[in-house]
Amino acid sequence: MSTKNSQEEMPPFSRPYVLSMAGFDPSAGAGLLADIKTFEANHAYGLGVCTAITFQTDESFDGVQWIGTEAIIKQCDLLLKKYKPQYIKIGLIENMTVMLNLIRHIRHQSETVRFIWDPILKASAGFEFHTKVDQMLLKEICEELYLITPNIPEAVELGESGAAEMNAAELSKYCHVFLKGGHRADKTGEDLLYVKNGKRITFGGRPKSLFQKHGSGCVLSSAIAARLAKGADLEKACLLAKDYTLSVLESNVSLLGFHAFEGPEFNR
């Protein structure tokens, strides 16, 4: 009896690959580990490139150690050569110059890959990663992106108007923008999708009974990436991702959410 176990004898791989470039959070509530869990729960196969090691729990943050650009590129090159993901989610990055260099390096290997950036400017425990945004550099980056997913405070920092919605509309000249509404003073949880062609789509708020979660922004952007990789259009991907994030928020009373399939929408 043959013991050969070649790739040809195995069943076809049924899940799309999605790559996360993000920081390592030991609590697994945010960052790379949360991204991978979200990809898997949304039926995509998660690949991971570590950009930073953070020293944190769900409640406290004690610092960050950045991974050098060369080491990040070495991780990426091996994965991209074999698996060829069509969507790459970017989380915590040392600075925007490093990010733009990484994007352009990857573009040389794949012109069709789509980047989704969750712009982490501050940890939920209060630690600030980036205090000043270079507007010219930001626009260069956004021209390379498919989607950016800021929350309200991040959108305020990413523009010059001082108003989240105005800044999101301005950024949508360069890429799609999903403005997360968890920090809204009114209509809590109402998200806005600014499509690059000028259309704006509103996604309704959330029940007041939901529990706050460490890393919920990471979960939402990663769920969008997974759903896009599975073939959903942008509006549908955002809707499914929002539903999935709500399921994580209501999964338990702690700051760390549970990841699992719930309901027929998630099994498609």
C-alpha atoms as a PDB file:
ATOM      1  CA  MET A   1       0.000   0.000   0.000  1.00  0.00           C
ATOM      2  CA  SER A   2       1.445   3.388  -0.996  1.00  0.00           C
ATOM      3  CA  THR A   3       2.228   5.832   1.798  1.00  0.00           C
ATOM      4  CA  LYS A   4       2.708   8.729  -0.612  1.00  0.00           C
ATOM      5  CA  ASN A   5       1.001  11.905   0.608  1.00  0.00           C
ATOM      6  CA  SER A   6       1.441  14.305  -2.293  1.00  0.00           C
ATOM      7  CA  GLN A   7      -0.357  17.618  -2.686  1.00  0.00           C
ATOM      8  CA  GLU A   8      -2.143  16.170  -5.734  1.00  0.00           C
ATOM      9  CA  GLU A   9      -3.780  13.428  -3.639  1.00  0.00           C
ATOM     10  CA  MET A  10      -5.212  15.864  -1.116  1.00  0.00           C
ATOM     11  CA  PRO A  11      -8.666  17.439  -1.614  1.00  0.00           C
ATOM     12  CA  PRO A  12      -8.776  20.951  -3.118  1.00  0.00           C
ATOM     13  CA  PHE A  13      -8.097  23.728  -0.621  1.00  0.00           C
ATOM     14  CA  SER A  14     -11.513  25.279  -0.060  1.00  0.00           C
ATOM     15  CA  ARG A  15     -10.645  28.472   1.832  1.00  0.00           C
ATOM     16  CA  PRO A  16      -9.058  31.664   0.523  1.00  0.00           C
ATOM     17  CA  TYR A  17      -5.814  32.829   2.112  1.00  0.00           C
ATOM     18  CA  VAL A  18      -5.822  36.169   3.940  1.00  0.00           C
ATOM     19  CA  LEU A  19      -2.658  37.695   5.377  1.00  0.00           C
ATOM     20  CA  SER A  20      -2.456  39.842   8.496  1.00  0.00           C
ATOM     21  CA  MET A  21       0.521  42.115   9.121  1.00  0.00           C
ATOM     22  CA  ALA A  22       0.060  43.150  12.738  1.00  0.00           C
ATOM     23  CA  GLY A  23       1.448  43.280  16.250  1.00  0.00           C
ATOM     24  CA  PHE A  24       1.559  40.338  18.648  1.00  0.00           C
ATOM     25  CA  ASP A  25      -0.775  40.854  21.611  1.00  0.00           C
ATOM     26  CA  PRO A  26      -0.128  38.153  24.264  1.00  0.00           C
ATOM     27  CA  SER A  27      -3.735  38.361  25.477  1.00  0.00           C
ATOM     28  CA  ALA A  28      -4.918  37.444  21.925  1.00  0.00           C
ATOM     29  CA  GLY A  29      -7.734  39.959  22.162  1.00  0.00           C
ATOM     30  CA  ALA A  30      -6.240  42.235  19.524  1.00  0.00           C
ATOM     31  CA  GLY A  31      -3.541  42.231  16.875  1.00  0.00           C
ATOM     32  CA  LEU A  32      -2.215  39.261  14.964  1.00  0.00           C
ATOM     33  CA  LEU A  33      -3.799  36.508  17.074  1.00  0.00           C
ATOM     34  CA  ALA A  34      -7.226  38.140  17.007  1.00  0.00           C
ATOM     35  CA  ASP A  35      -6.930  38.595  13.226  1.00  0.00           C
ATOM     36  CA  ILE A  36      -6.116  34.925  12.685  1.00  0.00           C
ATOM     37  CA  LYS A  37      -9.014  33.797  14.890  1.00  0.00           C
ATOM     38  CA  THR A  38     -11.356  36.093  12.977  1.00  0.00           C
ATOM     39  CA  PHE A  39     -10.155  34.863   9.573  1.00  0.00           C
ATOM     40  CA  GLU A  40     -10.675  31.254  10.617  1.00  0.00           C
ATOM     41  CA  ALA A  41     -14.115  31.895  12.098  1.00  0.00           C
ATOM     42  CA  ASN A  42     -15.153  33.521   8.823  1.00  0.00           C
ATOM     43  CA  HIS A  43     -13.916  30.555   6.752  1.00  0.00           C
ATOM     44  CA  ALA A  44     -10.685  32.056   5.430  1.00  0.00           C
ATOM     45  CA  TYR A  45      -7.252  30.619   6.123  1.00  0.00           C
ATOM     46  CA  GLY A  46      -5.216  33.115   8.141  1.00  0.00           C
ATOM     47  CA  LEU A  47      -1.542  33.817   7.468  1.00  0.00           C
ATOM     48  CA  GLY A  48       0.402  36.082   9.821  1.00  0.00           C
ATOM     49  CA  VAL A  49       3.377  38.434   9.701  1.00  0.00           C
ATOM     50  CA  CYS A  50       4.483  39.923  13.023  1.00  0.00           C
ATOM     51  CA  THR A  51       5.291  43.648  12.927  1.00  0.00           C
ATOM     52  CA  ALA A  52       5.737  44.268  16.657  1.00  0.00           C
ATOM     53  CA  ILE A  53       5.740  42.543  20.013  1.00  0.00           C
ATOM     54  CA  THR A  54       3.525  44.304  22.530  1.00  0.00           C
ATOM     55  CA  PHE A  55       3.595  43.875  26.291  1.00  0.00           C
ATOM     56  CA  GLN A  56      -0.047  44.051  27.297  1.00  0.00           C
ATOM     57  CA  THR A  57      -3.169  42.441  28.621  1.00  0.00           C
ATOM     58  CA  ASP A  58      -6.758  43.338  27.826  1.00  0.00           C
ATOM     59  CA  GLU A  59      -6.579  46.079  30.495  1.00  0.00           C
ATOM     60  CA  SER A  60      -3.002  47.390  30.553  1.00  0.00           C
ATOM     61  CA  PHE A  61      -0.235  48.276  28.116  1.00  0.00           C
ATOM     62  CA  ASP A  62       3.437  48.278  29.122  1.00  0.00           C
ATOM     63  CA  GLY A  63       5.259  48.923  25.843  1.00  0.00           C
ATOM     64  CA  VAL A  64       6.133  47.757  22.349  1.00  0.00           C
ATOM     65  CA  GLN A  65       9.177  46.281  20.625  1.00  0.00           C
ATOM     66  CA  TRP A  66       9.159  46.913  16.880  1.00  0.00           C
ATOM     67  CA  ILE A  67      10.171  44.242  14.383  1.00  0.00           C
ATOM     68  CA  GLY A  68      12.696  45.539  11.833  1.00  0.00           C
ATOM     69  CA  THR A  69      11.567  46.133   8.247  1.00  0.00           C
ATOM     70  CA  GLU A  70      13.997  43.521   6.926  1.00  0.00           C
ATOM     71  CA  ALA A  71      12.525  40.847   9.198  1.00  0.00           C
ATOM     72  CA  ILE A  72       8.972  41.812   8.214  1.00  0.00           C
ATOM     73  CA  ILE A  73       9.865  41.581   4.522  1.00  0.00           C
ATOM     74  CA  LYS A  74      11.492  38.175   5.038  1.00  0.00           C
ATOM     75  CA  GLN A  75       8.305  36.871   6.665  1.00  0.00           C
ATOM     76  CA  CYS A  76       6.175  38.305   3.859  1.00  0.00           C
ATOM     77  CA  ASP A  77       8.249  37.071   0.945  1.00  0.00           C
ATOM     78  CA  LEU A  78       8.042  33.401   1.885  1.00  0.00           C
ATOM     79  CA  LEU A  79       4.292  33.525   2.491  1.00  0.00           C
ATOM     80  CA  LEU A  80       3.470  35.551  -0.628  1.00  0.00           C
ATOM     81  CA  LYS A  81       5.541  33.300  -2.849  1.00  0.00           C
ATOM     82  CA  LYS A  82       3.645  30.160  -1.845  1.00  0.00           C
ATOM     83  CA  TYR A  83       0.131  31.239  -0.848  1.00  0.00           C
ATOM     84  CA  LYS A  84      -0.583  34.384  -2.916  1.00  0.00           C
ATOM     85  CA  PRO A  85      -3.330  35.960  -0.777  1.00  0.00           C
ATOM     86  CA  GLN A  86      -5.475  38.515  -2.567  1.00  0.00           C
ATOM     87  CA  TYR A  87      -6.229  40.481   0.622  1.00  0.00           C
ATOM     88  CA  ILE A  88      -3.751  41.747   3.203  1.00  0.00           C
ATOM     89  CA  LYS A  89      -4.947  43.351   6.435  1.00  0.00           C
ATOM     90  CA  ILE A  90      -2.471  45.784   8.005  1.00  0.00           C
ATOM     91  CA  GLY A  91      -2.647  46.619  11.691  1.00  0.00           C
ATOM     92  CA  LEU A  92       0.053  47.979  13.986  1.00  0.00           C
ATOM     93  CA  ILE A  93       3.048  49.358  12.060  1.00  0.00           C
ATOM     94  CA  GLU A  94       6.002  51.333  13.449  1.00  0.00           C
ATOM     95  CA  ASN A  95       5.337  54.352  11.230  1.00  0.00           C
ATOM     96  CA  MET A  96       3.774  55.286   7.923  1.00  0.00           C
ATOM     97  CA  THR A  97       7.107  55.405   6.081  1.00  0.00           C
ATOM     98  CA  VAL A  98       7.721  51.755   6.975  1.00  0.00           C
ATOM     99  CA  MET A  99       4.169  50.929   5.928  1.00  0.00           C
ATOM    100  CA  LEU A 100       4.477  52.581   2.523  1.00  0.00           C
ATOM    101  CA  ASN A 101       7.782  50.816   1.875  1.00  0.00           C
ATOM    102  CA  LEU A 102       6.228  47.458   2.773  1.00  0.00           C
ATOM    103  CA  ILE A 103       3.218  48.055   0.536  1.00  0.00           C
ATOM    104  CA  ARG A 104       5.416  48.991  -2.409  1.00  0.00           C
ATOM    105  CA  HIS A 105       7.648  45.969  -1.840  1.00  0.00           C
ATOM    106  CA  ILE A 106       4.614  43.687  -1.907  1.00  0.00           C
ATOM    107  CA  ARG A 107       3.266  45.441  -5.012  1.00  0.00           C
ATOM    108  CA  HIS A 108       6.370  44.287  -6.904  1.00  0.00           C
ATOM    109  CA  GLN A 109       5.292  40.698  -6.225  1.00  0.00           C
ATOM    110  CA  SER A 110       1.563  41.156  -6.774  1.00  0.00           C
ATOM    111  CA  GLU A 111      -0.064  44.084  -8.532  1.00  0.00           C
ATOM    112  CA  THR A 112      -3.567  42.794  -7.778  1.00  0.00           C
ATOM    113  CA  VAL A 113      -3.323  42.334  -3.994  1.00  0.00           C
ATOM    114  CA  ARG A 114      -5.703  44.548  -2.018  1.00  0.00           C
ATOM    115  CA  PHE A 115      -4.675  46.187   1.255  1.00  0.00           C
ATOM    116  CA  ILE A 116      -7.005  46.898   4.169  1.00  0.00           C
ATOM    117  CA  TRP A 117      -5.539  49.156   6.845  1.00  0.00           C
ATOM    118  CA  ASP A 118      -6.854  49.382  10.382  1.00  0.00           C
ATOM    119  CA  PRO A 119      -5.008  52.536  11.510  1.00  0.00           C
ATOM    120  CA  ILE A 120      -4.053  51.837  15.120  1.00  0.00           C
ATOM    121  CA  LEU A 121      -2.887  55.148  16.571  1.00  0.00           C
ATOM    122  CA  LYS A 122      -3.518  54.375  20.241  1.00  0.00           C
ATOM    123  CA  ALA A 123      -3.884  51.200  22.314  1.00  0.00           C
ATOM    124  CA  SER A 124      -7.214  50.732  24.094  1.00  0.00           C
ATOM    125  CA  ALA A 125      -5.304  51.045  27.389  1.00  0.00           C
ATOM    126  CA  GLY A 126      -4.220  54.553  26.377  1.00  0.00           C
ATOM    127  CA  PHE A 127      -0.677  54.125  24.983  1.00  0.00           C
ATOM    128  CA  GLU A 128      -0.110  56.335  21.914  1.00  0.00           C
ATOM    129  CA  PHE A 129       1.810  54.813  18.987  1.00  0.00           C
ATOM    130  CA  HIS A 130       1.640  57.779  16.612  1.00  0.00           C
ATOM    131  CA  THR A 131       1.049  61.380  17.649  1.00  0.00           C
ATOM    132  CA  LYS A 132       1.419  63.296  14.377  1.00  0.00           C
ATOM    133  CA  VAL A 133       0.167  62.266  10.938  1.00  0.00           C
ATOM    134  CA  ASP A 134       2.001  63.425   7.812  1.00  0.00           C
ATOM    135  CA  GLN A 135      -0.884  64.326   5.488  1.00  0.00           C
ATOM    136  CA  MET A 136       1.101  63.994   2.257  1.00  0.00           C
ATOM    137  CA  LEU A 137       2.419  60.582   3.264  1.00  0.00           C
ATOM    138  CA  LEU A 138      -1.052  59.516   4.353  1.00  0.00           C
ATOM    139  CA  LYS A 139      -2.468  60.344   0.923  1.00  0.00           C
ATOM    140  CA  GLU A 140       0.309  58.365  -0.773  1.00  0.00           C
ATOM    141  CA  ILE A 141      -0.573  55.380   1.390  1.00  0.00           C
ATOM    142  CA  CYS A 142      -4.319  55.684   0.811  1.00  0.00           C
ATOM    143  CA  GLU A 143      -3.749  55.664  -2.948  1.00  0.00           C
ATOM    144  CA  GLU A 144      -2.290  52.161  -2.455  1.00  0.00           C
ATOM    145  CA  LEU A 145      -5.113  50.919  -0.232  1.00  0.00           C
ATOM    146  CA  TYR A 146      -8.421  49.271  -1.037  1.00  0.00           C
ATOM    147  CA  LEU A 147      -9.994  50.136   2.320  1.00  0.00           C
ATOM    148  CA  ILE A 148      -9.149  51.973   5.532  1.00  0.00           C
ATOM    149  CA  THR A 149     -11.144  51.305   8.726  1.00  0.00           C
ATOM    150  CA  PRO A 150     -10.640  54.094  11.300  1.00  0.00           C
ATOM    151  CA  ASN A 151     -12.762  54.635  14.376  1.00  0.00           C
ATOM    152  CA  ILE A 152     -14.010  58.128  15.238  1.00  0.00           C
ATOM    153  CA  PRO A 153     -10.921  59.321  17.212  1.00  0.00           C
ATOM    154  CA  GLU A 154      -8.587  57.899  14.554  1.00  0.00           C
ATOM    155  CA  ALA A 155     -10.495  59.603  11.753  1.00  0.00           C
ATOM    156  CA  VAL A 156     -10.156  62.902  13.616  1.00  0.00           C
ATOM    157  CA  GLU A 157      -6.366  62.411  13.796  1.00  0.00           C
ATOM    158  CA  LEU A 158      -6.097  61.326  10.151  1.00  0.00           C
ATOM    159  CA  GLY A 159      -7.312  64.621   8.721  1.00  0.00           C
ATOM    160  CA  GLU A 160      -7.101  68.358   9.119  1.00  0.00           C
ATOM    161  CA  SER A 161     -10.749  69.332   9.592  1.00  0.00           C
ATOM    162  CA  GLY A 162     -11.111  68.124  13.181  1.00  0.00           C
ATOM    163  CA  ALA A 163     -14.311  66.284  12.215  1.00  0.00           C
ATOM    164  CA  ALA A 164     -14.301  62.508  11.714  1.00  0.00           C
ATOM    165  CA  GLU A 165     -16.928  62.395   8.965  1.00  0.00           C
ATOM    166  CA  MET A 166     -15.366  65.219   6.970  1.00  0.00           C
ATOM    167  CA  ASN A 167     -11.955  63.561   7.180  1.00  0.00           C
ATOM    168  CA  ALA A 168     -13.414  60.202   6.155  1.00  0.00           C
ATOM    169  CA  ALA A 169     -15.077  61.804   3.137  1.00  0.00           C
ATOM    170  CA  GLU A 170     -11.766  63.414   2.174  1.00  0.00           C
ATOM    171  CA  LEU A 171      -9.869  60.109   2.471  1.00  0.00           C
ATOM    172  CA  SER A 172     -12.486  58.412   0.284  1.00  0.00           C
ATOM    173  CA  LYS A 173     -11.081  60.359  -2.665  1.00  0.00           C
ATOM    174  CA  TYR A 174      -8.184  57.891  -2.528  1.00  0.00           C
ATOM    175  CA  CYS A 175      -9.692  54.629  -1.204  1.00  0.00           C
ATOM    176  CA  HIS A 176     -12.835  53.230   0.402  1.00  0.00           C
ATOM    177  CA  VAL A 177     -13.324  54.255   4.038  1.00  0.00           C
ATOM    178  CA  PHE A 178     -15.282  52.333   6.675  1.00  0.00           C
ATOM    179  CA  LEU A 179     -15.793  54.707   9.612  1.00  0.00           C
ATOM    180  CA  LYS A 180     -16.430  52.631  12.729  1.00  0.00           C
ATOM    181  CA  GLY A 181     -19.055  54.105  15.022  1.00  0.00           C
ATOM    182  CA  GLY A 182     -18.271  52.519  18.370  1.00  0.00           C
ATOM    183  CA  HIS A 183     -17.014  55.847  19.751  1.00  0.00           C
ATOM    184  CA  ARG A 184     -19.912  57.956  18.489  1.00  0.00           C
ATOM    185  CA  ALA A 185     -21.464  60.291  21.065  1.00  0.00           C
ATOM    186  CA  ASP A 186     -24.846  59.696  19.425  1.00  0.00           C
ATOM    187  CA  LYS A 187     -26.134  56.701  17.469  1.00  0.00           C
ATOM    188  CA  THR A 188     -23.596  54.391  19.126  1.00  0.00           C
ATOM    189  CA  GLY A 189     -22.309  51.738  16.769  1.00  0.00           C
ATOM    190  CA  GLU A 190     -23.638  53.344  13.598  1.00  0.00           C
ATOM    191  CA  ASP A 191     -20.946  52.767  10.965  1.00  0.00           C
ATOM    192  CA  LEU A 192     -20.489  54.659   7.708  1.00  0.00           C
ATOM    193  CA  LEU A 193     -18.988  53.278   4.495  1.00  0.00           C
ATOM    194  CA  TYR A 194     -17.601  55.952   2.195  1.00  0.00           C
ATOM    195  CA  VAL A 195     -17.264  54.319  -1.209  1.00  0.00           C
ATOM    196  CA  LYS A 196     -14.523  55.728  -3.383  1.00  0.00           C
ATOM    197  CA  ASN A 197     -17.016  56.782  -6.064  1.00  0.00           C
ATOM    198  CA  GLY A 198     -18.686  59.178  -3.609  1.00  0.00           C
ATOM    199  CA  LYS A 199     -21.536  57.009  -2.291  1.00  0.00           C
ATOM    200  CA  ARG A 200     -22.116  56.808   1.482  1.00  0.00           C
ATOM    201  CA  ILE A 201     -23.774  53.780   3.082  1.00  0.00           C
ATOM    202  CA  THR A 202     -25.023  53.703   6.680  1.00  0.00           C
ATOM    203  CA  PHE A 203     -24.952  50.575   8.830  1.00  0.00           C
ATOM    204  CA  GLY A 204     -27.308  50.756  11.814  1.00  0.00           C
ATOM    205  CA  GLY A 205     -26.305  51.060  15.452  1.00  0.00           C
ATOM    206  CA  ARG A 206     -25.946  48.306  18.009  1.00  0.00           C
ATOM    207  CA  PRO A 207     -27.949  47.224  21.059  1.00  0.00           C
ATOM    208  CA  LYS A 208     -26.946  48.980  24.292  1.00  0.00           C
ATOM    209  CA  SER A 209     -26.626  45.605  26.026  1.00  0.00           C
ATOM    210  CA  LEU A 210     -23.410  44.675  24.204  1.00  0.00           C
ATOM    211  CA  PHE A 211     -20.162  44.446  26.154  1.00  0.00           C
ATOM    212  CA  GLN A 212     -17.000  46.392  25.363  1.00  0.00           C
ATOM    213  CA  LYS A 213     -14.176  44.279  23.947  1.00  0.00           C
ATOM    214  CA  HIS A 214     -10.433  44.732  23.674  1.00  0.00           C
ATOM    215  CA  GLY A 215      -9.513  44.494  19.973  1.00  0.00           C
ATOM    216  CA  SER A 216     -12.992  44.853  18.500  1.00  0.00           C
ATOM    217  CA  GLY A 217     -11.630  47.145  15.777  1.00  0.00           C
ATOM    218  CA  CYS A 218      -9.122  44.470  14.750  1.00  0.00           C
ATOM    219  CA  VAL A 219     -11.924  41.924  14.592  1.00  0.00           C
ATOM    220  CA  LEU A 220     -14.131  44.099  12.380  1.00  0.00           C
ATOM    221  CA  SER A 221     -11.454  44.933   9.820  1.00  0.00           C
ATOM    222  CA  SER A 222     -10.266  41.323   9.685  1.00  0.00           C
ATOM    223  CA  ALA A 223     -13.798  40.037   9.216  1.00  0.00           C
ATOM    224  CA  ILE A 224     -14.231  42.443   6.294  1.00  0.00           C
ATOM    225  CA  ALA A 225     -11.001  41.141   4.754  1.00  0.00           C
ATOM    226  CA  ALA A 226     -12.115  37.521   5.153  1.00  0.00           C
ATOM    227  CA  ARG A 227     -15.533  38.171   3.632  1.00  0.00           C
ATOM    228  CA  LEU A 228     -14.017  40.033   0.680  1.00  0.00           C
ATOM    229  CA  ALA A 229     -11.627  37.138   0.126  1.00  0.00           C
ATOM    230  CA  LYS A 230     -14.606  34.775   0.065  1.00  0.00           C
ATOM    231  CA  GLY A 231     -16.152  36.785  -2.762  1.00  0.00           C
ATOM    232  CA  ALA A 232     -18.593  39.191  -1.110  1.00  0.00           C
ATOM    233  CA  ASP A 233     -18.849  42.689  -2.534  1.00  0.00           C
ATOM    234  CA  LEU A 234     -17.705  45.527  -0.276  1.00  0.00           C
ATOM    235  CA  GLU A 235     -21.126  46.457   1.125  1.00  0.00           C
ATOM    236  CA  LYS A 236     -22.052  42.842   1.864  1.00  0.00           C
ATOM    237  CA  ALA A 237     -18.607  42.142   3.374  1.00  0.00           C
ATOM    238  CA  CYS A 238     -19.007  45.107   5.727  1.00  0.00           C
ATOM    239  CA  LEU A 239     -22.501  44.003   6.745  1.00  0.00           C
ATOM    240  CA  LEU A 240     -21.408  40.426   7.485  1.00  0.00           C
ATOM    241  CA  ALA A 241     -18.323  41.684   9.325  1.00  0.00           C
ATOM    242  CA  LYS A 242     -20.439  43.978  11.480  1.00  0.00           C
ATOM    243  CA  ASP A 243     -22.765  41.089  12.347  1.00  0.00           C
ATOM    244  CA  TYR A 244     -19.783  38.920  13.244  1.00  0.00           C
ATOM    245  CA  THR A 245     -18.234  41.634  15.413  1.00  0.00           C
ATOM    246  CA  LEU A 246     -21.532  42.052  17.268  1.00  0.00           C
ATOM    247  CA  SER A 247     -21.494  38.311  18.011  1.00  0.00           C
ATOM    248  CA  VAL A 248     -18.011  38.690  19.528  1.00  0.00           C
ATOM    249  CA  LEU A 249     -19.114  41.726  21.569  1.00  0.00           C
ATOM    250  CA  GLU A 250     -22.054  39.850  23.055  1.00  0.00           C
ATOM    251  CA  SER A 251     -20.153  36.556  23.568  1.00  0.00           C
ATOM    252  CA  ASN A 252     -19.364  37.221  27.251  1.00  0.00           C
ATOM    253  CA  VAL A 253     -19.051  40.001  29.843  1.00  0.00           C
ATOM    254  CA  SER A 254     -15.226  40.217  29.890  1.00  0.00           C
ATOM    255  CA  LEU A 255     -12.973  42.363  27.676  1.00  0.00           C
ATOM    256  CA  LEU A 256     -11.895  39.261  25.719  1.00  0.00           C
ATOM    257  CA  GLY A 257     -14.362  38.009  23.120  1.00  0.00           C
ATOM    258  CA  PHE A 258     -15.092  34.481  21.926  1.00  0.00           C
ATOM    259  CA  HIS A 259     -14.839  33.644  18.218  1.00  0.00           C
ATOM    260  CA  ALA A 260     -17.295  31.145  16.733  1.00  0.00           C
ATOM    261  CA  PHE A 261     -19.758  30.634  13.912  1.00  0.00           C
ATOM    262  CA  GLU A 262     -23.296  31.642  14.809  1.00  0.00           C
ATOM    263  CA  GLY A 263     -26.206  31.418  12.403  1.00  0.00           C
ATOM    264  CA  PRO A 264     -26.556  30.667   8.680  1.00  0.00           C
ATOM    265  CA  GLU A 265     -24.908  33.904   7.479  1.00  0.00           C
ATOM    266  CA  PHE A 266     -21.559  32.834   8.890  1.00  0.00           C
ATOM    267  CA  ASN A 267     -21.636  29.415   7.262  1.00  0.00           C
ATOM    268  CA  ARG A 268     -21.774  30.734   3.723  1.00  0.00           C
END
